[in-house]
C-alpha cells in the first residue's frame, strides 16, 4: 500500500491549497485500483468545502530507466483524471489533474505518507 498526501491548486480556483490524498491499496500496476480523496474550496455549483472521494483504475504506468514512473489514474472513468509523476525513491509525487477533454486543470505535490509492503506468508 502506498499513500501520498499533499496539496493541490485548481486553475479556476475550485481548489486552492487543498488537501489531496492518493492511495494505492496494492501495487502500482496498470489495472489495479487507486483512490483519490480531496476537498474542493468551492465546487462549480458554488458549494463550499465539499469533500470528494473517487475509487477507480490505474489506467497506465510508465516505468522510466532512471527509476521514476508516470502513473495515470481514472482516464475515461470520471470527469477528471490524474497524471502522477513519482520520483525514483517513491517518496515524492507531482500531480496534474486533467478534464475529460485532456485540458490541464490542477497541479500539486505530495509526499509519501505510508508505504507498506505486501506480506508474503510461505507455508510448507
C-alpha atoms as a PDB file:
ATOM      1  CA  UNK A   1       0.000   0.000   0.000  1.00  0.00           C
ATOM      2  CA  UNK A   2       1.176   3.497  -0.843  1.00  0.00           C
ATOM      3  CA  UNK A   3      -0.418   6.684   0.480  1.00  0.00           C
ATOM      4  CA  UNK A   4       0.643  10.106  -0.800  1.00  0.00           C
ATOM      5  CA  UNK A   5      -0.594  13.284   0.897  1.00  0.00           C
ATOM      6  CA  UNK A   6      -0.178  16.821  -0.389  1.00  0.00           C
ATOM      7  CA  UNK A   7      -1.816  19.986  -1.643  1.00  0.00           C
ATOM      8  CA  UNK A   8      -3.472  20.791  -4.951  1.00  0.00           C
ATOM      9  CA  UNK A   9      -4.495  24.018  -6.724  1.00  0.00           C
ATOM     10  CA  UNK A  10      -7.117  24.286  -9.480  1.00  0.00           C
ATOM     11  CA  UNK A  11      -6.592  26.890 -12.214  1.00  0.00           C
ATOM     12  CA  UNK A  12     -10.186  28.160 -11.868  1.00  0.00           C
ATOM     13  CA  UNK A  13      -9.988  28.390  -8.073  1.00  0.00           C
ATOM     14  CA  UNK A  14     -12.147  25.341  -7.337  1.00  0.00           C
ATOM     15  CA  UNK A  15      -9.303  24.067  -5.149  1.00  0.00           C
ATOM     16  CA  UNK A  16      -6.846  26.472  -3.524  1.00  0.00           C
ATOM     17  CA  UNK A  17      -4.093  24.832  -1.497  1.00  0.00           C
ATOM     18  CA  UNK A  18      -6.454  21.982  -0.599  1.00  0.00           C
ATOM     19  CA  UNK A  19      -5.578  18.636   0.971  1.00  0.00           C
ATOM     20  CA  UNK A  20      -5.180  15.855  -1.556  1.00  0.00           C
ATOM     21  CA  UNK A  21      -4.568  12.152  -0.869  1.00  0.00           C
ATOM     22  CA  UNK A  22      -3.850   9.342  -3.320  1.00  0.00           C
ATOM     23  CA  UNK A  23      -3.999   5.784  -2.048  1.00  0.00           C
ATOM     24  CA  UNK A  24      -2.750   2.765  -3.941  1.00  0.00           C
ATOM     25  CA  UNK A  25      -4.106  -0.124  -1.826  1.00  0.00           C
ATOM     26  CA  UNK A  26      -1.935  -2.693  -3.623  1.00  0.00           C
ATOM     27  CA  UNK A  27       0.969  -2.421  -6.040  1.00  0.00           C
ATOM     28  CA  UNK A  28       1.146   0.431  -8.535  1.00  0.00           C
ATOM     29  CA  UNK A  29       0.281  -1.560 -11.634  1.00  0.00           C
ATOM     30  CA  UNK A  30      -1.973  -0.905 -14.614  1.00  0.00           C
ATOM     31  CA  UNK A  31      -5.463  -2.277 -13.970  1.00  0.00           C
ATOM     32  CA  UNK A  32      -5.177  -2.102 -10.167  1.00  0.00           C
ATOM     33  CA  UNK A  33      -7.387   0.205  -8.134  1.00  0.00           C
ATOM     34  CA  UNK A  34      -6.498   3.594  -6.644  1.00  0.00           C
ATOM     35  CA  UNK A  35      -8.346   6.137  -4.565  1.00  0.00           C
ATOM     36  CA  UNK A  36      -8.215   9.937  -4.683  1.00  0.00           C
ATOM     37  CA  UNK A  37      -9.639  11.943  -1.775  1.00  0.00           C
ATOM     38  CA  UNK A  38      -9.645  15.731  -1.750  1.00  0.00           C
ATOM     39  CA  UNK A  39     -11.564  18.789  -0.708  1.00  0.00           C
ATOM     40  CA  UNK A  40     -12.798  21.448  -3.101  1.00  0.00           C
ATOM     41  CA  UNK A  41     -12.553  25.079  -1.950  1.00  0.00           C
ATOM     42  CA  UNK A  42     -15.700  25.727  -3.967  1.00  0.00           C
ATOM     43  CA  UNK A  43     -17.411  23.405  -6.451  1.00  0.00           C
ATOM     44  CA  UNK A  44     -18.607  24.538  -9.875  1.00  0.00           C
ATOM     45  CA  UNK A  45     -22.119  24.918  -8.368  1.00  0.00           C
ATOM     46  CA  UNK A  46     -20.779  27.067  -5.512  1.00  0.00           C
ATOM     47  CA  UNK A  47     -20.759  24.526  -2.670  1.00  0.00           C
ATOM     48  CA  UNK A  48     -18.021  25.469  -0.181  1.00  0.00           C
ATOM     49  CA  UNK A  49     -15.523  22.980   1.287  1.00  0.00           C
ATOM     50  CA  UNK A  50     -17.036  19.975  -0.474  1.00  0.00           C
ATOM     51  CA  UNK A  51     -15.285  16.632   0.047  1.00  0.00           C
ATOM     52  CA  UNK A  52     -14.675  14.366  -2.931  1.00  0.00           C
ATOM     53  CA  UNK A  53     -13.597  10.708  -2.941  1.00  0.00           C
ATOM     54  CA  UNK A  54     -13.100   8.566  -6.041  1.00  0.00           C
ATOM     55  CA  UNK A  55     -12.179   4.919  -6.416  1.00  0.00           C
ATOM     56  CA  UNK A  56     -11.039   3.994  -9.891  1.00  0.00           C
ATOM     57  CA  UNK A  57      -8.452   2.292 -12.018  1.00  0.00           C
ATOM     58  CA  UNK A  58      -4.779   2.835 -12.697  1.00  0.00           C
ATOM     59  CA  UNK A  59      -5.095   3.253 -16.459  1.00  0.00           C
ATOM     60  CA  UNK A  60      -1.420   3.471 -17.375  1.00  0.00           C
ATOM     61  CA  UNK A  61       2.039   3.084 -15.785  1.00  0.00           C
ATOM     62  CA  UNK A  62       5.286   4.085 -17.486  1.00  0.00           C
ATOM     63  CA  UNK A  63       8.478   2.996 -15.719  1.00  0.00           C
ATOM     64  CA  UNK A  64      11.470   5.067 -16.830  1.00  0.00           C
ATOM     65  CA  UNK A  65      15.055   3.731 -16.879  1.00  0.00           C
ATOM     66  CA  UNK A  66      16.054   6.232 -14.160  1.00  0.00           C
ATOM     67  CA  UNK A  67      13.600   4.661 -11.674  1.00  0.00           C
ATOM     68  CA  UNK A  68      10.916   7.337 -11.939  1.00  0.00           C
ATOM     69  CA  UNK A  69       7.458   6.468 -13.111  1.00  0.00           C
ATOM     70  CA  UNK A  70       4.395   8.157 -14.508  1.00  0.00           C
ATOM     71  CA  UNK A  71       1.050   6.841 -13.312  1.00  0.00           C
ATOM     72  CA  UNK A  72      -2.241   7.699 -14.969  1.00  0.00           C
ATOM     73  CA  UNK A  73      -5.410   7.393 -12.872  1.00  0.00           C
ATOM     74  CA  UNK A  74      -9.083   7.246 -13.878  1.00  0.00           C
ATOM     75  CA  UNK A  75      -8.667   8.280 -17.519  1.00  0.00           C
ATOM     76  CA  UNK A  76     -12.058   7.768 -19.169  1.00  0.00           C
ATOM     77  CA  UNK A  77     -13.766   6.906 -15.860  1.00  0.00           C
ATOM     78  CA  UNK A  78     -14.626  10.316 -14.391  1.00  0.00           C
ATOM     79  CA  UNK A  79     -14.714  13.959 -15.476  1.00  0.00           C
ATOM     80  CA  UNK A  80     -11.220  14.472 -14.010  1.00  0.00           C
ATOM     81  CA  UNK A  81      -8.265  12.147 -14.394  1.00  0.00           C
ATOM     82  CA  UNK A  82      -4.749  12.398 -12.970  1.00  0.00           C
ATOM     83  CA  UNK A  83      -1.191  12.147 -14.214  1.00  0.00           C
ATOM     84  CA  UNK A  84       1.199  11.451 -11.347  1.00  0.00           C
ATOM     85  CA  UNK A  85       4.986  11.551 -11.590  1.00  0.00           C
ATOM     86  CA  UNK A  86       6.672   9.538  -8.824  1.00  0.00           C
ATOM     87  CA  UNK A  87      10.368  10.095  -8.127  1.00  0.00           C
ATOM     88  CA  UNK A  88      12.942   7.300  -8.063  1.00  0.00           C
ATOM     89  CA  UNK A  89      12.797   6.957  -4.261  1.00  0.00           C
ATOM     90  CA  UNK A  90       8.971   6.742  -4.375  1.00  0.00           C
ATOM     91  CA  UNK A  91       8.783   9.396  -1.642  1.00  0.00           C
ATOM     92  CA  UNK A  92       7.503  12.353  -3.703  1.00  0.00           C
ATOM     93  CA  UNK A  93       4.871  12.826  -6.366  1.00  0.00           C
ATOM     94  CA  UNK A  94       3.802  15.666  -8.618  1.00  0.00           C
ATOM     95  CA  UNK A  95       0.180  15.651  -9.738  1.00  0.00           C
ATOM     96  CA  UNK A  96      -1.563  17.057 -12.773  1.00  0.00           C
ATOM     97  CA  UNK A  97      -5.354  16.949 -12.942  1.00  0.00           C
ATOM     98  CA  UNK A  98      -6.892  16.998 -16.413  1.00  0.00           C
ATOM     99  CA  UNK A  99     -10.502  17.018 -17.545  1.00  0.00           C
ATOM    100  CA  UNK A 100     -12.200  14.638 -19.961  1.00  0.00           C
ATOM    101  CA  UNK A 101     -11.065  16.861 -22.874  1.00  0.00           C
ATOM    102  CA  UNK A 102      -7.440  16.398 -21.679  1.00  0.00           C
ATOM    103  CA  UNK A 103      -7.243  20.065 -20.667  1.00  0.00           C
ATOM    104  CA  UNK A 104      -4.960  20.904 -17.733  1.00  0.00           C
ATOM    105  CA  UNK A 105      -6.968  21.903 -14.626  1.00  0.00           C
ATOM    106  CA  UNK A 106      -4.863  21.496 -11.479  1.00  0.00           C
ATOM    107  CA  UNK A 107      -1.442  20.714 -10.149  1.00  0.00           C
ATOM    108  CA  UNK A 108       0.041  19.754  -6.840  1.00  0.00           C
ATOM    109  CA  UNK A 109       2.745  17.925  -4.975  1.00  0.00           C
ATOM    110  CA  UNK A 110       2.534  15.144  -2.430  1.00  0.00           C
ATOM    111  CA  UNK A 111       4.862  13.240  -0.153  1.00  0.00           C
ATOM    112  CA  UNK A 112       4.779   9.567   0.681  1.00  0.00           C
ATOM    113  CA  UNK A 113       2.918   9.178   3.948  1.00  0.00           C
ATOM    114  CA  UNK A 114       2.633   5.381   4.203  1.00  0.00           C
ATOM    115  CA  UNK A 115       4.389   2.585   2.352  1.00  0.00           C
ATOM    116  CA  UNK A 116       3.531  -0.912   3.423  1.00  0.00           C
ATOM    117  CA  UNK A 117       4.982  -3.843   1.567  1.00  0.00           C
ATOM    118  CA  UNK A 118       2.799  -6.813   0.793  1.00  0.00           C
ATOM    119  CA  UNK A 119       3.385  -9.598   3.247  1.00  0.00           C
ATOM    120  CA  UNK A 120       4.110 -12.972   1.803  1.00  0.00           C
ATOM    121  CA  UNK A 121       3.377 -15.953   4.006  1.00  0.00           C
ATOM    122  CA  UNK A 122       5.082 -19.135   3.000  1.00  0.00           C
ATOM    123  CA  UNK A 123       3.663 -22.478   4.022  1.00  0.00           C
ATOM    124  CA  UNK A 124       5.446 -25.767   3.672  1.00  0.00           C
END
